[in-house]
PDB file of N, CA and C in Angstrom:
ATOM      1  N   MET A   1     -11.605  17.674  19.269  1.00  0.00           N
ATOM      2  CA  MET A   1     -10.273  17.354  18.770  1.00  0.00           C
ATOM      3  C   MET A   1     -10.393  16.355  17.620  1.00  0.00           C
ATOM      4  N   SER A   2      -9.475  16.443  16.713  1.00  0.00           N
ATOM      5  CA  SER A   2      -9.495  15.534  15.581  1.00  0.00           C
ATOM      6  C   SER A   2      -9.011  14.156  16.007  1.00  0.00           C
ATOM      7  N   LYS A   3      -9.260  13.181  15.163  1.00  0.00           N
ATOM      8  CA  LYS A   3      -8.833  11.827  15.462  1.00  0.00           C
ATOM      9  C   LYS A   3      -7.690  11.441  14.534  1.00  0.00           C
ATOM     10  N   GLN A   4      -6.748  12.304  14.370  1.00  0.00           N
ATOM     11  CA  GLN A   4      -5.595  12.096  13.506  1.00  0.00           C
ATOM     12  C   GLN A   4      -4.483  11.416  14.307  1.00  0.00           C
ATOM     13  N   ALA A   5      -3.921  10.337  13.746  1.00  0.00           N
ATOM     14  CA  ALA A   5      -2.795   9.666  14.386  1.00  0.00           C
ATOM     15  C   ALA A   5      -1.530  10.481  14.140  1.00  0.00           C
ATOM     16  N   LEU A   6      -0.817  10.770  15.221  1.00  0.00           N
ATOM     17  CA  LEU A   6       0.435  11.523  15.127  1.00  0.00           C
ATOM     18  C   LEU A   6       1.594  10.587  15.445  1.00  0.00           C
ATOM     19  N   ASN A   7       2.609  10.611  14.615  1.00  0.00           N
ATOM     20  CA  ASN A   7       3.781   9.771  14.789  1.00  0.00           C
ATOM     21  C   ASN A   7       4.717  10.395  15.828  1.00  0.00           C
ATOM     22  N   LEU A   8       5.155   9.571  16.794  1.00  0.00           N
ATOM     23  CA  LEU A   8       5.998  10.093  17.875  1.00  0.00           C
ATOM     24  C   LEU A   8       7.280  10.736  17.364  1.00  0.00           C
ATOM     25  N   GLN A   9       7.880  10.186  16.353  1.00  0.00           N
ATOM     26  CA  GLN A   9       9.139  10.735  15.846  1.00  0.00           C
ATOM     27  C   GLN A   9       8.920  11.944  14.933  1.00  0.00           C
ATOM     28  N   ASN A  10       7.984  11.832  14.012  1.00  0.00           N
ATOM     29  CA  ASN A  10       7.811  12.869  12.990  1.00  0.00           C
ATOM     30  C   ASN A  10       6.934  14.036  13.418  1.00  0.00           C
ATOM     31  N   ASP A  11       6.023  13.811  14.355  1.00  0.00           N
ATOM     32  CA  ASP A  11       5.045  14.831  14.721  1.00  0.00           C
ATOM     33  C   ASP A  11       5.185  15.283  16.182  1.00  0.00           C
ATOM     34  N   TRP A  12       6.375  15.193  16.731  1.00  0.00           N
ATOM     35  CA  TRP A  12       6.576  15.473  18.160  1.00  0.00           C
ATOM     36  C   TRP A  12       6.120  16.887  18.551  1.00  0.00           C
ATOM     37  N   ARG A  13       6.384  17.872  17.730  1.00  0.00           N
ATOM     38  CA  ARG A  13       5.963  19.240  18.039  1.00  0.00           C
ATOM     39  C   ARG A  13       4.446  19.323  18.175  1.00  0.00           C
ATOM     40  N   GLN A  14       3.716  18.697  17.259  1.00  0.00           N
ATOM     41  CA  GLN A  14       2.252  18.681  17.319  1.00  0.00           C
ATOM     42  C   GLN A  14       1.758  17.910  18.543  1.00  0.00           C
ATOM     43  N   ILE A  15       2.417  16.813  18.863  1.00  0.00           N
ATOM     44  CA  ILE A  15       2.041  16.025  20.041  1.00  0.00           C
ATOM     45  C   ILE A  15       2.195  16.874  21.296  1.00  0.00           C
ATOM     46  N   LYS A  16       3.290  17.603  21.401  1.00  0.00           N
ATOM     47  CA  LYS A  16       3.501  18.483  22.557  1.00  0.00           C
ATOM     48  C   LYS A  16       2.385  19.520  22.671  1.00  0.00           C
ATOM     49  N   GLU A  17       2.008  20.127  21.559  1.00  0.00           N
ATOM     50  CA  GLU A  17       0.952  21.137  21.562  1.00  0.00           C
ATOM     51  C   GLU A  17      -0.391  20.544  21.973  1.00  0.00           C
ATOM     52  N   LYS A  18      -0.748  19.399  21.405  1.00  0.00           N
ATOM     53  CA  LYS A  18      -2.026  18.769  21.717  1.00  0.00           C
ATOM     54  C   LYS A  18      -2.056  18.264  23.164  1.00  0.00           C
ATOM     55  N   PHE A  19      -0.929  17.776  23.660  1.00  0.00           N
ATOM     56  CA  PHE A  19      -0.836  17.328  25.053  1.00  0.00           C
ATOM     57  C   PHE A  19      -1.096  18.503  25.983  1.00  0.00           C
ATOM     58  N   GLN A  20      -0.485  19.613  25.686  1.00  0.00           N
ATOM     59  CA  GLN A  20      -0.663  20.812  26.501  1.00  0.00           C
ATOM     60  C   GLN A  20      -2.108  21.322  26.427  1.00  0.00           C
ATOM     61  N   ASP A  21      -2.731  21.246  25.257  1.00  0.00           N
ATOM     62  CA  ASP A  21      -4.135  21.643  25.120  1.00  0.00           C
ATOM     63  C   ASP A  21      -5.063  20.688  25.866  1.00  0.00           C
ATOM     64  N   ARG A  22      -4.748  19.406  25.809  1.00  0.00           N
ATOM     65  CA  ARG A  22      -5.585  18.377  26.431  1.00  0.00           C
ATOM     66  C   ARG A  22      -5.599  18.502  27.957  1.00  0.00           C
ATOM     67  N   PHE A  23      -4.433  18.745  28.540  1.00  0.00           N
ATOM     68  CA  PHE A  23      -4.286  18.835  29.990  1.00  0.00           C
ATOM     69  C   PHE A  23      -3.923  20.275  30.351  1.00  0.00           C
ATOM     70  N   LYS A  24      -4.878  21.159  30.327  1.00  0.00           N
ATOM     71  CA  LYS A  24      -4.643  22.588  30.549  1.00  0.00           C
ATOM     72  C   LYS A  24      -4.492  22.907  32.030  1.00  0.00           C
ATOM     73  N   GLU A  25      -3.862  22.078  32.754  1.00  0.00           N
ATOM     74  CA  GLU A  25      -3.750  22.265  34.193  1.00  0.00           C
ATOM     75  C   GLU A  25      -2.313  22.556  34.598  1.00  0.00           C
ATOM     76  N   LYS A  26      -2.159  22.898  35.833  1.00  0.00           N
ATOM     77  CA  LYS A  26      -0.830  23.196  36.363  1.00  0.00           C
ATOM     78  C   LYS A  26       0.021  21.948  36.529  1.00  0.00           C
ATOM     79  N   ASN A  27      -0.577  20.785  36.398  1.00  0.00           N
ATOM     80  CA  ASN A  27       0.104  19.526  36.689  1.00  0.00           C
ATOM     81  C   ASN A  27       0.851  18.970  35.482  1.00  0.00           C
ATOM     82  N   LEU A  28       1.436  19.824  34.694  1.00  0.00           N
ATOM     83  CA  LEU A  28       2.140  19.417  33.483  1.00  0.00           C
ATOM     84  C   LEU A  28       3.632  19.676  33.591  1.00  0.00           C
ATOM     85  N   GLU A  29       4.383  18.773  32.993  1.00  0.00           N
ATOM     86  CA  GLU A  29       5.817  18.999  32.764  1.00  0.00           C
ATOM     87  C   GLU A  29       6.039  18.779  31.276  1.00  0.00           C
ATOM     88  N   ILE A  30       6.465  19.794  30.593  1.00  0.00           N
ATOM     89  CA  ILE A  30       6.746  19.712  29.166  1.00  0.00           C
ATOM     90  C   ILE A  30       8.245  19.893  28.997  1.00  0.00           C
ATOM     91  N   GLU A  31       8.911  18.820  28.601  1.00  0.00           N
ATOM     92  CA  GLU A  31      10.352  18.868  28.361  1.00  0.00           C
ATOM     93  C   GLU A  31      10.599  18.651  26.870  1.00  0.00           C
ATOM     94  N   GLU A  32      11.840  18.758  26.479  1.00  0.00           N
ATOM     95  CA  GLU A  32      12.183  18.615  25.067  1.00  0.00           C
ATOM     96  C   GLU A  32      11.758  17.258  24.507  1.00  0.00           C
ATOM     97  N   GLU A  33      11.982  16.169  25.264  1.00  0.00           N
ATOM     98  CA  GLU A  33      11.676  14.838  24.757  1.00  0.00           C
ATOM     99  C   GLU A  33      10.782  14.029  25.693  1.00  0.00           C
ATOM    100  N   LYS A  34      10.102  14.724  26.619  1.00  0.00           N
ATOM    101  CA  LYS A  34       9.209  14.025  27.546  1.00  0.00           C
ATOM    102  C   LYS A  34       8.055  14.933  27.951  1.00  0.00           C
ATOM    103  N   LEU A  35       6.857  14.337  27.993  1.00  0.00           N
ATOM    104  CA  LEU A  35       5.649  15.026  28.403  1.00  0.00           C
ATOM    105  C   LEU A  35       5.082  14.298  29.615  1.00  0.00           C
ATOM    106  N   LYS A  36       4.678  15.044  30.638  1.00  0.00           N
ATOM    107  CA  LYS A  36       4.163  14.389  31.831  1.00  0.00           C
ATOM    108  C   LYS A  36       2.987  15.164  32.400  1.00  0.00           C
ATOM    109  N   TYR A  37       1.921  14.414  32.662  1.00  0.00           N
ATOM    110  CA  TYR A  37       0.750  14.941  33.354  1.00  0.00           C
ATOM    111  C   TYR A  37       0.595  14.104  34.624  1.00  0.00           C
ATOM    112  N   GLU A  38       0.375  14.767  35.750  1.00  0.00           N
ATOM    113  CA  GLU A  38       0.207  14.035  37.007  1.00  0.00           C
ATOM    114  C   GLU A  38      -0.748  14.800  37.910  1.00  0.00           C
ATOM    115  N   ARG A  39      -1.737  14.066  38.418  1.00  0.00           N
ATOM    116  CA  ARG A  39      -2.717  14.682  39.322  1.00  0.00           C
ATOM    117  C   ARG A  39      -3.395  13.603  40.155  1.00  0.00           C
ATOM    118  N   SER A  40      -3.370  13.730  41.431  1.00  0.00           N
ATOM    119  CA  SER A  40      -4.063  12.896  42.421  1.00  0.00           C
ATOM    120  C   SER A  40      -4.357  11.457  41.979  1.00  0.00           C
ATOM    121  N   GLY A  41      -3.338  10.649  41.920  1.00  0.00           N
ATOM    122  CA  GLY A  41      -3.518   9.235  41.621  1.00  0.00           C
ATOM    123  C   GLY A  41      -3.530   8.862  40.157  1.00  0.00           C
ATOM    124  N   GLU A  42      -3.392   9.823  39.275  1.00  0.00           N
ATOM    125  CA  GLU A  42      -3.330   9.502  37.859  1.00  0.00           C
ATOM    126  C   GLU A  42      -2.129  10.186  37.226  1.00  0.00           C
ATOM    127  N   HIS A  43      -1.528   9.511  36.272  1.00  0.00           N
ATOM    128  CA  HIS A  43      -0.425  10.140  35.540  1.00  0.00           C
ATOM    129  C   HIS A  43      -0.318   9.560  34.136  1.00  0.00           C
ATOM    130  N   LEU A  44       0.270  10.346  33.267  1.00  0.00           N
ATOM    131  CA  LEU A  44       0.569   9.929  31.907  1.00  0.00           C
ATOM    132  C   LEU A  44       1.892  10.571  31.524  1.00  0.00           C
ATOM    133  N   THR A  45       2.864   9.718  31.199  1.00  0.00           N
ATOM    134  CA  THR A  45       4.170  10.181  30.744  1.00  0.00           C
ATOM    135  C   THR A  45       4.416   9.602  29.357  1.00  0.00           C
ATOM    136  N   ILE A  46       4.731  10.456  28.405  1.00  0.00           N
ATOM    137  CA  ILE A  46       5.026  10.038  27.040  1.00  0.00           C
ATOM    138  C   ILE A  46       6.412  10.561  26.693  1.00  0.00           C
ATOM    139  N   GLU A  47       7.271   9.642  26.258  1.00  0.00           N
ATOM    140  CA  GLU A  47       8.616  10.046  25.842  1.00  0.00           C
ATOM    141  C   GLU A  47       8.747   9.878  24.338  1.00  0.00           C
ATOM    142  N   LYS A  48       9.504  10.752  23.740  1.00  0.00           N
ATOM    143  CA  LYS A  48       9.667  10.763  22.284  1.00  0.00           C
ATOM    144  C   LYS A  48      10.210   9.438  21.754  1.00  0.00           C
ATOM    145  N   ASP A  49      10.979   8.722  22.568  1.00  0.00           N
ATOM    146  CA  ASP A  49      11.553   7.447  22.124  1.00  0.00           C
ATOM    147  C   ASP A  49      10.560   6.279  22.185  1.00  0.00           C
ATOM    148  N   GLY A  50       9.293   6.560  22.577  1.00  0.00           N
ATOM    149  CA  GLY A  50       8.270   5.523  22.562  1.00  0.00           C
ATOM    150  C   GLY A  50       7.927   4.925  23.911  1.00  0.00           C
ATOM    151  N   ARG A  51       8.592   5.342  24.957  1.00  0.00           N
ATOM    152  CA  ARG A  51       8.253   4.838  26.288  1.00  0.00           C
ATOM    153  C   ARG A  51       7.058   5.617  26.833  1.00  0.00           C
ATOM    154  N   VAL A  52       6.091   4.862  27.342  1.00  0.00           N
ATOM    155  CA  VAL A  52       4.883   5.458  27.889  1.00  0.00           C
ATOM    156  C   VAL A  52       4.576   4.797  29.222  1.00  0.00           C
ATOM    157  N   SER A  53       4.233   5.606  30.191  1.00  0.00           N
ATOM    158  CA  SER A  53       3.814   5.125  31.500  1.00  0.00           C
ATOM    159  C   SER A  53       2.519   5.832  31.842  1.00  0.00           C
ATOM    160  N   ALA A  54       1.511   5.046  32.255  1.00  0.00           N
ATOM    161  CA  ALA A  54       0.213   5.637  32.570  1.00  0.00           C
ATOM    162  C   ALA A  54      -0.397   4.917  33.762  1.00  0.00           C
ATOM    163  N   ALA A  55      -1.149   5.656  34.557  1.00  0.00           N
ATOM    164  CA  ALA A  55      -1.839   5.049  35.695  1.00  0.00           C
ATOM    165  C   ALA A  55      -3.082   5.853  36.033  1.00  0.00           C
ATOM    166  N   MET A  56      -4.094   5.122  36.426  1.00  0.00           N
ATOM    167  CA  MET A  56      -5.330   5.676  36.964  1.00  0.00           C
ATOM    168  C   MET A  56      -5.526   4.971  38.305  1.00  0.00           C
ATOM    169  N   PRO A  57      -6.486   5.384  39.121  1.00  0.00           N
ATOM    170  CA  PRO A  57      -6.628   4.762  40.436  1.00  0.00           C
ATOM    171  C   PRO A  57      -6.747   3.235  40.430  1.00  0.00           C
ATOM    172  N   LEU A  58      -7.318   2.615  39.398  1.00  0.00           N
ATOM    173  CA  LEU A  58      -7.510   1.163  39.417  1.00  0.00           C
ATOM    174  C   LEU A  58      -6.625   0.388  38.444  1.00  0.00           C
ATOM    175  N   HIS A  59      -5.742   1.048  37.738  1.00  0.00           N
ATOM    176  CA  HIS A  59      -4.867   0.315  36.811  1.00  0.00           C
ATOM    177  C   HIS A  59      -3.628   1.135  36.459  1.00  0.00           C
ATOM    178  N   SER A  60      -2.661   0.443  35.889  1.00  0.00           N
ATOM    179  CA  SER A  60      -1.483   1.118  35.335  1.00  0.00           C
ATOM    180  C   SER A  60      -1.054   0.363  34.087  1.00  0.00           C
ATOM    181  N   ASN A  61      -0.265   1.014  33.248  1.00  0.00           N
ATOM    182  CA  ASN A  61       0.181   0.396  32.007  1.00  0.00           C
ATOM    183  C   ASN A  61       1.504   1.021  31.589  1.00  0.00           C
ATOM    184  N   GLU A  62       2.340   0.210  30.973  1.00  0.00           N
ATOM    185  CA  GLU A  62       3.614   0.690  30.428  1.00  0.00           C
ATOM    186  C   GLU A  62       3.777   0.136  29.029  1.00  0.00           C
ATOM    187  N   LEU A  63       4.194   0.985  28.121  1.00  0.00           N
ATOM    188  CA  LEU A  63       4.515   0.589  26.753  1.00  0.00           C
ATOM    189  C   LEU A  63       5.954   0.989  26.479  1.00  0.00           C
ATOM    190  N   GLN A  64       6.647   0.173  25.724  1.00  0.00           N
ATOM    191  CA  GLN A  64       8.040   0.471  25.400  1.00  0.00           C
ATOM    192  C   GLN A  64       8.241   0.982  23.982  1.00  0.00           C
ATOM    193  N   ASN A  65       7.365   0.620  23.080  1.00  0.00           N
ATOM    194  CA  ASN A  65       7.573   0.959  21.670  1.00  0.00           C
ATOM    195  C   ASN A  65       6.373   1.656  21.057  1.00  0.00           C
ATOM    196  N   ALA A  66       5.852   2.652  21.728  1.00  0.00           N
ATOM    197  CA  ALA A  66       4.723   3.389  21.166  1.00  0.00           C
ATOM    198  C   ALA A  66       5.166   4.069  19.876  1.00  0.00           C
ATOM    199  N   LYS A  67       4.270   4.069  18.908  1.00  0.00           N
ATOM    200  CA  LYS A  67       4.584   4.657  17.601  1.00  0.00           C
ATOM    201  C   LYS A  67       3.724   5.867  17.285  1.00  0.00           C
ATOM    202  N   GLU A  68       2.441   5.805  17.700  1.00  0.00           N
ATOM    203  CA  GLU A  68       1.515   6.870  17.343  1.00  0.00           C
ATOM    204  C   GLU A  68       0.654   7.268  18.544  1.00  0.00           C
ATOM    205  N   ILE A  69       0.185   8.498  18.500  1.00  0.00           N
ATOM    206  CA  ILE A  69      -0.701   9.047  19.521  1.00  0.00           C
ATOM    207  C   ILE A  69      -1.911   9.635  18.799  1.00  0.00           C
ATOM    208  N   VAL A  70      -3.101   9.348  19.340  1.00  0.00           N
ATOM    209  CA  VAL A  70      -4.330   9.919  18.804  1.00  0.00           C
ATOM    210  C   VAL A  70      -5.019  10.653  19.946  1.00  0.00           C
ATOM    211  N   PHE A  71      -5.273  11.936  19.773  1.00  0.00           N
ATOM    212  CA  PHE A  71      -5.982  12.735  20.758  1.00  0.00           C
ATOM    213  C   PHE A  71      -7.447  12.822  20.320  1.00  0.00           C
ATOM    214  N   THR A  72      -8.362  12.433  21.216  1.00  0.00           N
ATOM    215  CA  THR A  72      -9.791  12.521  20.931  1.00  0.00           C
ATOM    216  C   THR A  72     -10.457  13.307  22.054  1.00  0.00           C
ATOM    217  N   ASP A  73     -11.731  13.563  21.912  1.00  0.00           N
ATOM    218  CA  ASP A  73     -12.467  14.264  22.966  1.00  0.00           C
ATOM    219  C   ASP A  73     -12.514  13.453  24.253  1.00  0.00           C
ATOM    220  N   SER A  74     -12.483  12.135  24.140  1.00  0.00           N
ATOM    221  CA  SER A  74     -12.637  11.292  25.332  1.00  0.00           C
ATOM    222  C   SER A  74     -11.329  10.741  25.885  1.00  0.00           C
ATOM    223  N   GLY A  75     -10.197  10.963  25.221  1.00  0.00           N
ATOM    224  CA  GLY A  75      -8.953  10.432  25.763  1.00  0.00           C
ATOM    225  C   GLY A  75      -7.759  10.595  24.847  1.00  0.00           C
ATOM    226  N   VAL A  76      -6.690   9.940  25.269  1.00  0.00           N
ATOM    227  CA  VAL A  76      -5.448   9.910  24.504  1.00  0.00           C
ATOM    228  C   VAL A  76      -5.155   8.446  24.207  1.00  0.00           C
ATOM    229  N   GLU A  77      -5.136   8.093  22.931  1.00  0.00           N
ATOM    230  CA  GLU A  77      -4.899   6.713  22.512  1.00  0.00           C
ATOM    231  C   GLU A  77      -3.433   6.574  22.122  1.00  0.00           C
ATOM    232  N   ILE A  78      -2.753   5.618  22.732  1.00  0.00           N
ATOM    233  CA  ILE A  78      -1.341   5.377  22.452  1.00  0.00           C
ATOM    234  C   ILE A  78      -1.236   4.032  21.748  1.00  0.00           C
ATOM    235  N   ILE A  79      -0.606   4.026  20.586  1.00  0.00           N
ATOM    236  CA  ILE A  79      -0.567   2.839  19.735  1.00  0.00           C
ATOM    237  C   ILE A  79       0.867   2.361  19.576  1.00  0.00           C
ATOM    238  N   SER A  80       1.093   1.080  19.896  1.00  0.00           N
ATOM    239  CA  SER A  80       2.392   0.464  19.650  1.00  0.00           C
ATOM    240  C   SER A  80       2.181  -0.649  18.628  1.00  0.00           C
ATOM    241  N   GLU A  81       3.247  -1.346  18.267  1.00  0.00           N
ATOM    242  CA  GLU A  81       3.132  -2.429  17.298  1.00  0.00           C
ATOM    243  C   GLU A  81       2.267  -3.567  17.827  1.00  0.00           C
ATOM    244  N   LYS A  82       2.281  -3.791  19.134  1.00  0.00           N
ATOM    245  CA  LYS A  82       1.594  -4.945  19.701  1.00  0.00           C
ATOM    246  C   LYS A  82       0.323  -4.618  20.471  1.00  0.00           C
ATOM    247  N   SER A  83       0.120  -3.363  20.841  1.00  0.00           N
ATOM    248  CA  SER A  83      -1.062  -3.057  21.641  1.00  0.00           C
ATOM    249  C   SER A  83      -1.463  -1.587  21.519  1.00  0.00           C
ATOM    250  N   THR A  84      -2.617  -1.314  22.098  1.00  0.00           N
ATOM    251  CA  THR A  84      -3.142   0.042  22.143  1.00  0.00           C
ATOM    252  C   THR A  84      -3.621   0.302  23.573  1.00  0.00           C
ATOM    253  N   TYR A  85      -3.358   1.492  24.077  1.00  0.00           N
ATOM    254  CA  TYR A  85      -3.810   1.869  25.399  1.00  0.00           C
ATOM    255  C   TYR A  85      -4.506   3.226  25.281  1.00  0.00           C
ATOM    256  N   VAL A  86      -5.641   3.372  25.965  1.00  0.00           N
ATOM    257  CA  VAL A  86      -6.367   4.638  25.950  1.00  0.00           C
ATOM    258  C   VAL A  86      -6.392   5.202  27.357  1.00  0.00           C
ATOM    259  N   PHE A  87      -5.863   6.406  27.503  1.00  0.00           N
ATOM    260  CA  PHE A  87      -5.890   7.134  28.767  1.00  0.00           C
ATOM    261  C   PHE A  87      -7.100   8.041  28.701  1.00  0.00           C
ATOM    262  N   ARG A  88      -8.111   7.725  29.487  1.00  0.00           N
ATOM    263  CA  ARG A  88      -9.339   8.532  29.493  1.00  0.00           C
ATOM    264  C   ARG A  88      -9.356   9.418  30.708  1.00  0.00           C
ATOM    265  N   ARG A  89      -9.686  10.639  30.472  1.00  0.00           N
ATOM    266  CA  ARG A  89      -9.793  11.594  31.571  1.00  0.00           C
ATOM    267  C   ARG A  89     -10.874  12.584  31.240  1.00  0.00           C
TER     268      ARG A  89
END
């Protein structure tokens, strides 16, 4: 996968496609303005308005103002004005 930063507002269609490619499992919910992956103790929810919720067995994280998403071979990087979170799976 490329390491191109996608803007949540401007590139939402591409984000939806890459999210679906990244998590090719039955544990997906793809809605108009929300993407959700959930499987045995881990989840990642990304909303078009910038709200992000993520959890793995040993940690969880919430962002309110995510601006960009980067899909890489090793994870999904979520970038806000104040922080960055990487969901590795």
